Amino acid sequence: MSVESASSFFIPGSVVWDLESTEKEAAIRETILRSTPFHRVKNLDVVRFITSVLTREREQSTGFGRGIAIAHGRDEAIPTSTVALGISRRGIEFDSFDGHPVHLLFIVGSHPDRQIDYLRILSSLATLAHDERFRSELMNCLGAEDAQRKVCVAFDGVLLQRPYAR
């Protein structure tokens, strides 16, 4: 199965507005626990999934700069790739490559056998992370629903290889 559109993996409730945590591991936990998608996955042990994301993060920081991190983990209970986004106005100390705090924390969950979908999502999010307008508009959203819509539109544009459009 291939990723068809952002709405297939970025469902309503995927955005956690105004993260309270300012430290990496706490922000990852908060994003996973406060977002809807990981709680809807049948038979997913959310604590085990959090542990897989944190274990991966300890190997190497996924804060690659420009205020964005894309933490990820795999679990056999996740049938199709799932994404959540935590937005932090204050910033999260994340050990990013550029040394700056993270304001947009994406969490990607996938099944170990769904490598292609997983890589397409990571690649598309990395592409969007380089788009200053995208980052700015997400930070200027009025709430979670507005951010949800912008991510879906932007991601679908990347999948269809179109420049980000409002």
Protein backbone atom coordinates (compact mmCIF):
# COMPACT_ATOMS: atom_id res chain seq x y z
CA MET A 1 0.00 0.00 0.00
CA SER A 2 1.32 3.45 -0.77
CA VAL A 3 0.58 6.71 0.97
CA GLU A 4 -2.25 8.31 -0.98
CA SER A 5 -2.86 11.53 0.92
CA ALA A 6 -2.08 13.15 4.23
CA SER A 7 -5.59 12.43 5.48
CA SER A 8 -4.75 8.71 5.38
CA PHE A 9 -2.12 9.07 8.13
CA PHE A 10 -2.69 12.55 9.63
CA ILE A 11 -6.20 12.18 11.01
CA PRO A 12 -8.22 14.77 12.96
CA GLY A 13 -6.78 15.07 16.45
CA SER A 14 -3.20 14.60 15.24
CA VAL A 15 -2.11 18.11 16.27
CA VAL A 16 -1.25 18.88 19.89
CA TRP A 17 -1.54 22.63 20.24
CA ASP A 18 0.82 24.46 22.61
CA LEU A 19 2.96 21.71 24.05
CA GLU A 20 3.78 22.34 27.70
CA SER A 21 7.00 20.31 27.76
CA THR A 22 10.27 22.06 26.97
CA GLU A 23 12.53 18.99 27.20
CA LYS A 24 12.88 16.44 24.38
CA GLU A 25 11.73 13.20 26.02
CA ALA A 26 8.85 14.84 27.87
CA ALA A 27 7.70 16.57 24.65
CA ILE A 28 7.75 13.26 22.76
CA ARG A 29 5.68 11.60 25.50
CA GLU A 30 3.26 14.54 25.63
CA THR A 31 2.74 14.60 21.87
CA ILE A 32 2.03 10.87 21.71
CA LEU A 33 -0.21 10.84 24.79
CA ARG A 34 -2.21 13.97 23.91
CA SER A 35 -2.74 13.23 20.22
CA THR A 36 -5.55 11.02 18.95
CA PRO A 37 -3.99 8.73 16.32
CA PHE A 38 -1.87 6.45 18.46
CA HIS A 39 -4.77 5.81 20.86
CA ARG A 40 -6.94 4.64 17.95
CA VAL A 41 -4.53 1.91 16.84
CA LYS A 42 -6.02 -1.38 17.98
CA ASN A 43 -3.71 -3.42 20.22
CA LEU A 44 -1.01 -0.73 20.31
CA ASP A 45 0.76 -0.59 23.64
CA VAL A 46 1.29 3.19 23.72
CA VAL A 47 3.92 2.96 26.47
CA ARG A 48 5.90 0.43 24.40
CA PHE A 49 5.60 2.71 21.35
CA ILE A 50 6.85 5.71 23.36
CA THR A 51 9.80 3.59 24.47
CA SER A 52 10.61 2.72 20.84
CA VAL A 53 10.56 6.40 19.83
CA LEU A 54 12.73 7.40 22.80
CA THR A 55 15.17 4.56 22.15
CA ARG A 56 15.57 5.69 18.53
CA GLU A 57 15.97 9.30 19.65
CA ARG A 58 18.75 8.38 22.09
CA GLU A 59 20.70 6.82 19.20
CA GLN A 60 20.71 10.11 17.28
CA SER A 61 18.70 13.30 17.58
CA THR A 62 15.99 13.75 14.98
CA GLY A 63 16.05 17.52 15.52
CA PHE A 64 17.62 18.40 12.21
CA GLY A 65 17.33 22.16 12.46
CA ARG A 66 15.10 25.05 11.47
CA GLY A 67 12.91 24.38 14.51
CA ILE A 68 11.72 20.95 13.36
CA ALA A 69 12.19 17.42 14.66
CA ILE A 70 10.80 14.22 13.17
CA ALA A 71 10.95 11.55 15.86
CA HIS A 72 9.87 8.09 14.83
CA GLY A 73 9.28 4.58 16.03
CA ARG A 74 8.03 1.27 14.72
CA ASP A 75 5.57 -1.17 16.15
CA GLU A 76 3.92 -4.25 14.65
CA ALA A 77 0.52 -3.12 15.98
CA ILE A 78 0.54 -0.05 13.70
CA PRO A 79 -1.01 -1.26 10.41
CA THR A 80 -0.37 1.91 8.39
CA SER A 81 1.91 4.87 9.04
CA THR A 82 0.54 7.39 11.50
CA VAL A 83 1.72 10.93 12.26
CA ALA A 84 1.16 13.39 15.09
CA LEU A 85 2.44 16.96 15.45
CA GLY A 86 3.23 18.81 18.65
CA ILE A 87 3.52 22.59 18.34
CA SER A 88 5.55 24.47 20.95
CA ARG A 89 5.61 28.25 21.07
CA ARG A 90 8.31 28.29 23.79
CA GLY A 91 10.53 25.74 22.09
CA ILE A 92 11.91 22.35 23.09
CA GLU A 93 15.56 21.72 23.92
CA PHE A 94 16.17 18.89 21.46
CA ASP A 95 19.93 18.61 20.79
CA SER A 96 19.19 19.70 17.22
CA PHE A 97 21.97 19.78 14.67
CA ASP A 98 21.79 23.59 14.49
CA GLY A 99 21.58 23.97 18.30
CA HIS A 100 18.22 25.80 18.11
CA PRO A 101 15.06 24.74 19.93
CA VAL A 102 12.33 22.72 18.20
CA HIS A 103 8.90 24.28 17.71
CA LEU A 104 7.37 21.66 15.40
CA LEU A 105 7.71 18.08 16.67
CA PHE A 106 6.42 15.44 14.28
CA ILE A 107 6.06 11.87 15.57
CA VAL A 108 5.86 9.15 12.91
CA GLY A 109 4.72 5.65 13.82
CA SER A 110 4.92 2.80 11.35
CA HIS A 111 4.83 -0.95 10.98
CA PRO A 112 8.31 -2.49 10.54
CA ASP A 113 7.23 -4.02 7.21
CA ARG A 114 5.93 -0.72 5.76
CA GLN A 115 9.33 0.72 4.86
CA ILE A 116 8.25 2.48 1.62
CA ASP A 117 5.36 4.40 3.23
CA TYR A 118 7.54 5.27 6.19
CA LEU A 119 10.35 6.63 3.98
CA ARG A 120 7.91 8.63 1.81
CA ILE A 121 6.47 10.30 4.89
CA LEU A 122 9.90 11.08 6.36
CA SER A 123 11.13 12.42 3.02
CA SER A 124 8.04 14.59 2.53
CA LEU A 125 8.23 16.00 6.05
CA ALA A 126 11.93 16.76 5.57
CA THR A 127 11.10 18.58 2.32
CA LEU A 128 8.42 20.63 4.06
CA ALA A 129 10.78 21.42 6.92
CA HIS A 130 13.01 23.30 4.49
CA ASP A 131 10.11 25.52 3.37
CA GLU A 132 10.26 28.64 5.52
CA ARG A 133 6.75 29.73 4.52
CA PHE A 134 5.34 26.37 5.63
CA ARG A 135 7.09 26.58 9.00
CA SER A 136 6.01 30.19 9.51
CA GLU A 137 2.39 29.52 8.61
CA LEU A 138 2.22 26.55 10.98
CA MET A 139 3.56 28.69 13.82
CA ASN A 140 1.00 31.39 13.01
CA CYS A 141 -2.02 29.09 12.92
CA LEU A 142 -4.94 29.97 15.17
CA GLY A 143 -5.40 26.45 16.50
CA ALA A 144 -5.03 22.74 15.97
CA GLU A 145 -7.64 22.48 13.19
CA ASP A 146 -5.96 25.22 11.17
CA ALA A 147 -2.58 23.52 11.59
CA GLN A 148 -4.10 20.15 10.64
CA ARG A 149 -5.46 21.60 7.41
CA LYS A 150 -2.16 23.30 6.49
CA VAL A 151 -0.14 20.12 7.06
CA CYS A 152 -2.52 18.06 4.93
CA VAL A 153 -2.50 20.56 2.05
CA ALA A 154 1.28 20.96 2.16
CA PHE A 155 2.00 17.25 2.44
CA ASP A 156 -0.35 16.38 -0.42
CA GLY A 157 1.42 18.99 -2.55
CA VAL A 158 4.80 17.38 -1.83
CA LEU A 159 3.44 13.92 -2.64
CA LEU A 160 2.16 15.23 -5.96
CA GLN A 161 5.43 17.15 -6.41
CA ARG A 162 3.80 20.56 -6.37
CA PRO A 163 5.18 23.54 -4.49
CA TYR A 164 3.50 24.27 -1.18
CA ALA A 165 0.27 26.18 -1.77
CA ARG A 166 -2.17 27.55 0.78
